[in-house]
């Protein structure tokens, strides 16, 4: 197993964990964007940090996946 594959597995596990940590909307209406009467809600504090971390990990995962494809 190459180093790139190990990095890809590690980043994917971190990405799964961060996604699971994000706050979920209550009820089935949250699945379609209808939670709590508003569609858009500003992210603040820890929620914003988790969201930004998710985006960064997603970018890293995409880059590592492309490197794994090329190598």
N, C-alpha and C. Protein backbone atom coordinates (compact mmCIF):
# COMPACT_ATOMS: atom_id res chain seq x y z
N UNK A 1 0.86 -1.17 0.00
CA UNK A 1 0.00 0.00 0.00
C UNK A 1 0.91 1.24 0.00
N UNK A 2 0.62 2.15 -0.90
CA UNK A 2 1.47 3.33 -1.03
C UNK A 2 1.13 4.39 0.02
N UNK A 3 2.03 5.32 0.17
CA UNK A 3 1.84 6.41 1.14
C UNK A 3 0.63 7.27 0.76
N UNK A 4 0.43 7.48 -0.53
CA UNK A 4 -0.71 8.29 -0.97
C UNK A 4 -2.03 7.62 -0.59
N UNK A 5 -2.10 6.30 -0.71
CA UNK A 5 -3.31 5.57 -0.33
C UNK A 5 -3.57 5.67 1.17
N UNK A 6 -2.52 5.59 1.96
CA UNK A 6 -2.68 5.70 3.41
C UNK A 6 -3.16 7.10 3.79
N UNK A 7 -2.60 8.12 3.14
CA UNK A 7 -3.04 9.51 3.39
C UNK A 7 -4.50 9.66 2.98
N UNK A 8 -4.88 9.08 1.86
CA UNK A 8 -6.26 9.18 1.38
C UNK A 8 -7.23 8.53 2.36
N UNK A 9 -6.87 7.39 2.91
CA UNK A 9 -7.72 6.72 3.89
C UNK A 9 -7.84 7.57 5.15
N UNK A 10 -6.72 8.12 5.62
CA UNK A 10 -6.75 8.96 6.82
C UNK A 10 -7.61 10.20 6.64
N UNK A 11 -7.44 10.88 5.50
CA UNK A 11 -8.24 12.09 5.24
C UNK A 11 -9.72 11.74 5.10
N UNK A 12 -10.02 10.60 4.49
CA UNK A 12 -11.42 10.21 4.34
C UNK A 12 -12.06 9.92 5.69
N UNK A 13 -11.31 9.29 6.60
CA UNK A 13 -11.85 9.03 7.94
C UNK A 13 -12.08 10.34 8.71
N UNK A 14 -11.14 11.28 8.58
CA UNK A 14 -11.33 12.58 9.22
C UNK A 14 -12.53 13.31 8.63
N UNK A 15 -12.69 13.22 7.32
CA UNK A 15 -13.82 13.88 6.65
C UNK A 15 -15.15 13.28 7.11
N UNK A 16 -15.22 11.98 7.24
CA UNK A 16 -16.43 11.33 7.73
C UNK A 16 -16.74 11.80 9.15
N UNK A 17 -15.73 11.85 10.00
CA UNK A 17 -15.94 12.29 11.38
C UNK A 17 -16.43 13.72 11.47
N UNK A 18 -15.85 14.62 10.67
CA UNK A 18 -16.24 16.02 10.71
C UNK A 18 -17.66 16.19 10.17
N UNK A 19 -18.01 15.45 9.13
CA UNK A 19 -19.37 15.53 8.59
C UNK A 19 -20.38 15.06 9.63
N UNK A 20 -20.06 14.00 10.35
CA UNK A 20 -20.97 13.49 11.37
C UNK A 20 -21.10 14.44 12.56
N UNK A 21 -20.10 15.30 12.78
CA UNK A 21 -20.16 16.25 13.89
C UNK A 21 -21.05 17.45 13.59
N UNK A 22 -21.36 17.68 12.32
CA UNK A 22 -22.17 18.84 11.96
C UNK A 22 -23.57 18.70 12.53
N UNK A 23 -24.13 19.83 12.91
CA UNK A 23 -25.46 19.86 13.51
C UNK A 23 -26.50 19.46 12.49
N UNK A 24 -27.42 18.61 12.90
CA UNK A 24 -28.48 18.17 12.01
C UNK A 24 -29.75 18.93 12.33
N UNK A 25 -30.52 19.24 11.28
CA UNK A 25 -31.80 19.91 11.47
C UNK A 25 -32.79 18.92 12.07
N UNK A 26 -33.70 19.43 12.89
CA UNK A 26 -34.68 18.56 13.52
C UNK A 26 -35.82 18.27 12.56
N UNK A 27 -36.29 17.04 12.57
CA UNK A 27 -37.41 16.66 11.74
C UNK A 27 -37.01 16.33 10.31
N UNK A 28 -37.97 15.74 9.59
CA UNK A 28 -37.72 15.34 8.20
C UNK A 28 -37.67 16.55 7.28
N UNK A 29 -38.25 17.67 7.69
CA UNK A 29 -38.23 18.87 6.86
C UNK A 29 -36.83 19.41 6.67
N UNK A 30 -35.92 19.10 7.58
CA UNK A 30 -34.54 19.54 7.46
C UNK A 30 -33.83 18.91 6.28
N UNK A 31 -34.32 17.76 5.83
CA UNK A 31 -33.71 17.11 4.68
C UNK A 31 -33.87 17.93 3.41
N UNK A 32 -34.96 18.68 3.35
CA UNK A 32 -35.26 19.47 2.16
C UNK A 32 -35.07 20.95 2.38
N UNK A 33 -34.41 21.34 3.45
CA UNK A 33 -34.11 22.75 3.71
C UNK A 33 -35.22 23.48 4.42
N UNK A 34 -36.16 22.77 5.01
CA UNK A 34 -37.30 23.43 5.63
C UNK A 34 -37.29 23.43 7.14
N UNK A 35 -36.14 23.35 7.74
CA UNK A 35 -36.06 23.29 9.20
C UNK A 35 -36.18 24.66 9.86
N UNK A 36 -36.90 24.77 10.93
CA UNK A 36 -37.00 25.95 11.79
C UNK A 36 -37.50 27.21 11.07
N UNK A 37 -38.19 27.06 9.97
CA UNK A 37 -38.83 28.20 9.32
C UNK A 37 -37.92 29.08 8.48
N UNK A 38 -36.63 28.88 8.50
CA UNK A 38 -35.72 29.68 7.68
C UNK A 38 -34.88 28.76 6.81
N UNK A 39 -34.58 29.24 5.61
CA UNK A 39 -33.77 28.44 4.70
C UNK A 39 -32.29 28.67 4.95
N UNK A 40 -31.91 29.92 5.17
CA UNK A 40 -30.49 30.25 5.37
C UNK A 40 -30.26 30.61 6.82
N UNK A 41 -29.19 30.08 7.37
CA UNK A 41 -28.85 30.38 8.76
C UNK A 41 -27.35 30.65 8.83
N UNK A 42 -26.98 31.73 9.46
CA UNK A 42 -25.56 32.08 9.57
C UNK A 42 -24.85 31.10 10.48
N UNK A 43 -23.64 30.72 10.10
CA UNK A 43 -22.84 29.82 10.92
C UNK A 43 -21.92 30.65 11.80
N UNK A 44 -21.90 30.30 13.08
CA UNK A 44 -21.06 31.04 14.03
C UNK A 44 -20.35 30.06 14.94
N UNK A 45 -19.20 30.49 15.43
CA UNK A 45 -18.46 29.73 16.44
C UNK A 45 -17.97 28.38 15.97
N UNK A 46 -18.25 27.37 16.77
CA UNK A 46 -17.78 26.02 16.51
C UNK A 46 -18.39 25.48 15.22
N UNK A 47 -19.65 25.79 14.98
CA UNK A 47 -20.32 25.32 13.77
C UNK A 47 -19.61 25.81 12.51
N UNK A 48 -19.17 27.07 12.54
CA UNK A 48 -18.45 27.63 11.40
C UNK A 48 -17.09 26.96 11.24
N UNK A 49 -16.40 26.71 12.35
CA UNK A 49 -15.10 26.05 12.30
C UNK A 49 -15.22 24.65 11.72
N UNK A 50 -16.24 23.92 12.13
CA UNK A 50 -16.46 22.57 11.61
C UNK A 50 -16.78 22.63 10.12
N UNK A 51 -17.57 23.61 9.70
CA UNK A 51 -17.92 23.76 8.29
C UNK A 51 -16.68 24.06 7.44
N UNK A 52 -15.84 24.98 7.90
CA UNK A 52 -14.62 25.32 7.16
C UNK A 52 -13.66 24.13 7.14
N UNK A 53 -13.56 23.40 8.25
CA UNK A 53 -12.72 22.21 8.30
C UNK A 53 -13.20 21.17 7.30
N UNK A 54 -14.52 21.03 7.18
CA UNK A 54 -15.08 20.10 6.20
C UNK A 54 -14.66 20.47 4.79
N UNK A 55 -14.74 21.76 4.46
CA UNK A 55 -14.36 22.20 3.12
C UNK A 55 -12.87 21.99 2.85
N UNK A 56 -12.04 22.27 3.84
CA UNK A 56 -10.59 22.08 3.68
C UNK A 56 -10.27 20.60 3.49
N UNK A 57 -10.86 19.74 4.31
CA UNK A 57 -10.63 18.30 4.18
C UNK A 57 -11.14 17.77 2.85
N UNK A 58 -12.24 18.33 2.36
CA UNK A 58 -12.77 17.92 1.06
C UNK A 58 -11.79 18.27 -0.05
N UNK A 59 -11.20 19.47 0.02
CA UNK A 59 -10.20 19.86 -0.96
C UNK A 59 -8.97 18.99 -0.91
N UNK A 60 -8.50 18.69 0.31
CA UNK A 60 -7.32 17.83 0.46
C UNK A 60 -7.62 16.43 -0.08
N UNK A 61 -8.82 15.93 0.22
CA UNK A 61 -9.20 14.60 -0.26
C UNK A 61 -9.24 14.57 -1.79
N UNK A 62 -9.77 15.62 -2.40
CA UNK A 62 -9.83 15.67 -3.86
C UNK A 62 -8.42 15.70 -4.46
N UNK A 63 -7.53 16.49 -3.89
CA UNK A 63 -6.16 16.55 -4.39
C UNK A 63 -5.42 15.23 -4.23
N UNK A 64 -5.58 14.61 -3.07
CA UNK A 64 -4.91 13.32 -2.83
C UNK A 64 -5.49 12.25 -3.77
N UNK A 65 -6.79 12.30 -4.03
CA UNK A 65 -7.41 11.35 -4.94
C UNK A 65 -6.87 11.51 -6.35
N UNK A 66 -6.70 12.77 -6.79
CA UNK A 66 -6.12 13.01 -8.11
C UNK A 66 -4.67 12.53 -8.18
N UNK A 67 -3.90 12.79 -7.11
CA UNK A 67 -2.52 12.30 -7.05
C UNK A 67 -2.46 10.78 -7.09
N UNK A 68 -3.39 10.14 -6.42
CA UNK A 68 -3.43 8.69 -6.40
C UNK A 68 -3.79 8.15 -7.78
N UNK A 69 -4.63 8.87 -8.50
CA UNK A 69 -5.02 8.46 -9.84
C UNK A 69 -3.86 8.57 -10.81
N UNK A 70 -3.08 9.65 -10.69
CA UNK A 70 -1.96 9.90 -11.60
C UNK A 70 -0.78 8.99 -11.29
N UNK A 71 -0.52 8.78 -10.00
CA UNK A 71 0.67 8.01 -9.59
C UNK A 71 0.53 6.53 -9.78
